[in-house]
Amino acid sequence: MPTPTKSHYTFNLRDFSRVIQGCLLIEKEAVQSKHTMVRLFVHEVLRVFYDRLVNDHDRHWLFDLIKAVVKDHFKESFDGIFSHLRKENNPITEENLRNLMFGDYMNPDLEGD
C-alpha cells in the first residue's frame, strides 16, 4: 500500500505482465525442466517487485510470499529448486537469490555488433 515514504508502491497488472513477458523470453530449448521455469518466474518477480522495495521488512515479506507460492502453487520445495545456490546445507536466503541470473552468456552468436 502506498504511503508518503513508499509512494512508488503502486503495483498493477502492467507490473505482473512484465513478469510474464520476462518468462516468455526464454527459448524452449533452454527449458530443461519445470524447475527452470519456476526459477525464471522467481527471478522475474524479484526483478519487477523486490527491487522496488525500500526496507528489509517489505523485502522479507515478499521473500516469504514467493516461498509460499512455490510450495502451494508450483508444488515444489523452494530449497530444492534453488539448491544450486545454497551455501553448505543451510536454507535458501534472500542473499542466495542475489546469485540467481538468467542469460545466454556462453553463446558467441548472440554478441552485439
Protein backbone atom coordinates (compact mmCIF):
# COMPACT_ATOMS: atom_id res chain seq x y z
CA MET A 1 0.00 0.00 0.00
CA PRO A 2 1.45 3.39 -0.94
CA THR A 3 2.43 5.72 1.87
CA PRO A 4 4.31 9.04 1.79
CA THR A 5 7.62 7.19 2.22
CA LYS A 6 6.60 4.45 -0.21
CA SER A 7 4.71 6.38 -2.87
CA HIS A 8 6.09 4.12 -5.60
CA TYR A 9 4.38 1.07 -4.03
CA THR A 10 1.61 1.23 -6.59
CA PHE A 11 1.54 -2.11 -8.38
CA ASN A 12 -0.86 -3.04 -11.17
CA LEU A 13 -1.40 -5.58 -13.92
CA ARG A 14 1.27 -3.93 -16.06
CA ASP A 15 3.83 -4.93 -13.42
CA PHE A 16 2.59 -8.52 -13.44
CA SER A 17 2.64 -8.52 -17.24
CA ARG A 18 6.35 -7.64 -17.03
CA VAL A 19 6.86 -10.81 -15.00
CA ILE A 20 5.04 -12.89 -17.62
CA GLN A 21 6.82 -11.16 -20.52
CA GLY A 22 10.15 -11.90 -18.88
CA CYS A 23 9.20 -15.57 -18.58
CA LEU A 24 8.21 -15.67 -22.25
CA LEU A 25 11.66 -14.54 -23.39
CA ILE A 26 13.28 -17.90 -22.66
CA GLU A 27 13.74 -20.19 -25.64
CA LYS A 28 12.03 -23.56 -25.33
CA GLU A 29 15.34 -25.36 -25.84
CA ALA A 30 16.64 -23.69 -22.67
CA VAL A 31 13.80 -25.04 -20.52
CA GLN A 32 15.26 -28.25 -19.17
CA SER A 33 12.59 -28.90 -16.55
CA LYS A 34 9.77 -27.41 -14.51
CA HIS A 35 12.44 -26.19 -12.09
CA THR A 36 13.88 -23.94 -14.79
CA MET A 37 10.53 -22.22 -15.29
CA VAL A 38 9.96 -21.82 -11.55
CA ARG A 39 13.45 -20.32 -11.16
CA LEU A 40 12.74 -17.95 -14.04
CA PHE A 41 9.39 -16.94 -12.54
CA VAL A 42 11.01 -16.19 -9.18
CA HIS A 43 13.80 -14.28 -10.93
CA GLU A 44 11.26 -12.11 -12.77
CA VAL A 45 9.20 -11.47 -9.62
CA LEU A 46 12.36 -10.37 -7.85
CA ARG A 47 13.33 -8.15 -10.77
CA VAL A 48 9.93 -6.46 -11.09
CA PHE A 49 8.78 -6.24 -7.47
CA TYR A 50 11.58 -6.98 -4.99
CA ASP A 51 13.97 -4.43 -6.50
CA ARG A 52 11.42 -1.66 -5.87
CA LEU A 53 11.01 -2.35 -2.16
CA VAL A 54 12.68 0.12 0.19
CA ASN A 55 13.02 -1.67 3.51
CA ASP A 56 14.01 -5.07 4.83
CA HIS A 57 10.58 -5.78 6.33
CA ASP A 58 8.89 -5.45 2.92
CA ARG A 59 11.61 -7.45 1.16
CA HIS A 60 11.34 -10.25 3.73
CA TRP A 61 7.54 -10.26 3.37
CA LEU A 62 7.86 -10.71 -0.42
CA PHE A 63 10.52 -13.40 0.00
CA ASP A 64 8.18 -15.35 2.32
CA LEU A 65 5.32 -14.89 -0.16
CA ILE A 66 7.46 -16.21 -3.01
CA LYS A 67 8.39 -19.28 -0.94
CA ALA A 68 4.69 -19.90 -0.22
CA VAL A 69 3.75 -19.53 -3.91
CA VAL A 70 6.44 -22.01 -4.97
CA LYS A 71 5.19 -24.50 -2.38
CA ASP A 72 1.43 -24.02 -2.79
CA HIS A 73 1.03 -23.31 -6.50
CA PHE A 74 4.03 -24.95 -8.13
CA LYS A 75 4.00 -27.84 -5.62
CA GLU A 76 7.78 -27.74 -5.30
CA SER A 77 10.29 -27.36 -2.49
CA PHE A 78 11.77 -23.86 -2.55
CA ASP A 79 15.07 -25.04 -1.08
CA GLY A 80 15.14 -27.94 -3.55
CA ILE A 81 14.62 -25.77 -6.62
CA PHE A 82 17.34 -23.35 -5.57
CA SER A 83 19.73 -25.92 -4.07
CA HIS A 84 22.41 -24.92 -6.60
CA LEU A 85 22.57 -21.51 -4.86
CA ARG A 86 22.84 -22.95 -1.35
CA LYS A 87 25.95 -22.46 0.69
CA GLU A 88 26.66 -25.56 2.76
CA ASN A 89 23.43 -27.17 3.95
CA ASN A 90 21.58 -24.03 5.07
CA PRO A 91 18.12 -22.97 3.87
CA ILE A 92 17.97 -20.65 0.87
CA THR A 93 18.03 -16.99 1.88
CA GLU A 94 17.32 -13.71 0.14
CA GLU A 95 21.07 -13.25 -0.13
CA ASN A 96 21.40 -16.57 -2.01
CA LEU A 97 18.85 -15.38 -4.57
CA ARG A 98 21.08 -12.43 -5.48
CA ASN A 99 23.12 -15.02 -7.41
CA LEU A 100 20.10 -16.08 -9.48
CA MET A 101 20.65 -14.93 -13.07
CA PHE A 102 19.26 -15.85 -16.44
CA GLY A 103 21.03 -15.30 -19.72
CA ASP A 104 22.94 -16.98 -22.50
CA TYR A 105 26.40 -15.71 -21.73
CA MET A 106 28.28 -18.56 -23.37
CA ASN A 107 26.77 -18.22 -26.86
CA PRO A 108 29.13 -16.11 -29.03
CA ASP A 109 26.48 -15.84 -31.78
CA LEU A 110 24.42 -13.57 -29.51
CA GLU A 111 27.09 -10.86 -29.17
CA GLY A 112 26.03 -7.39 -30.24
CA ASP A 113 27.67 -5.51 -33.08
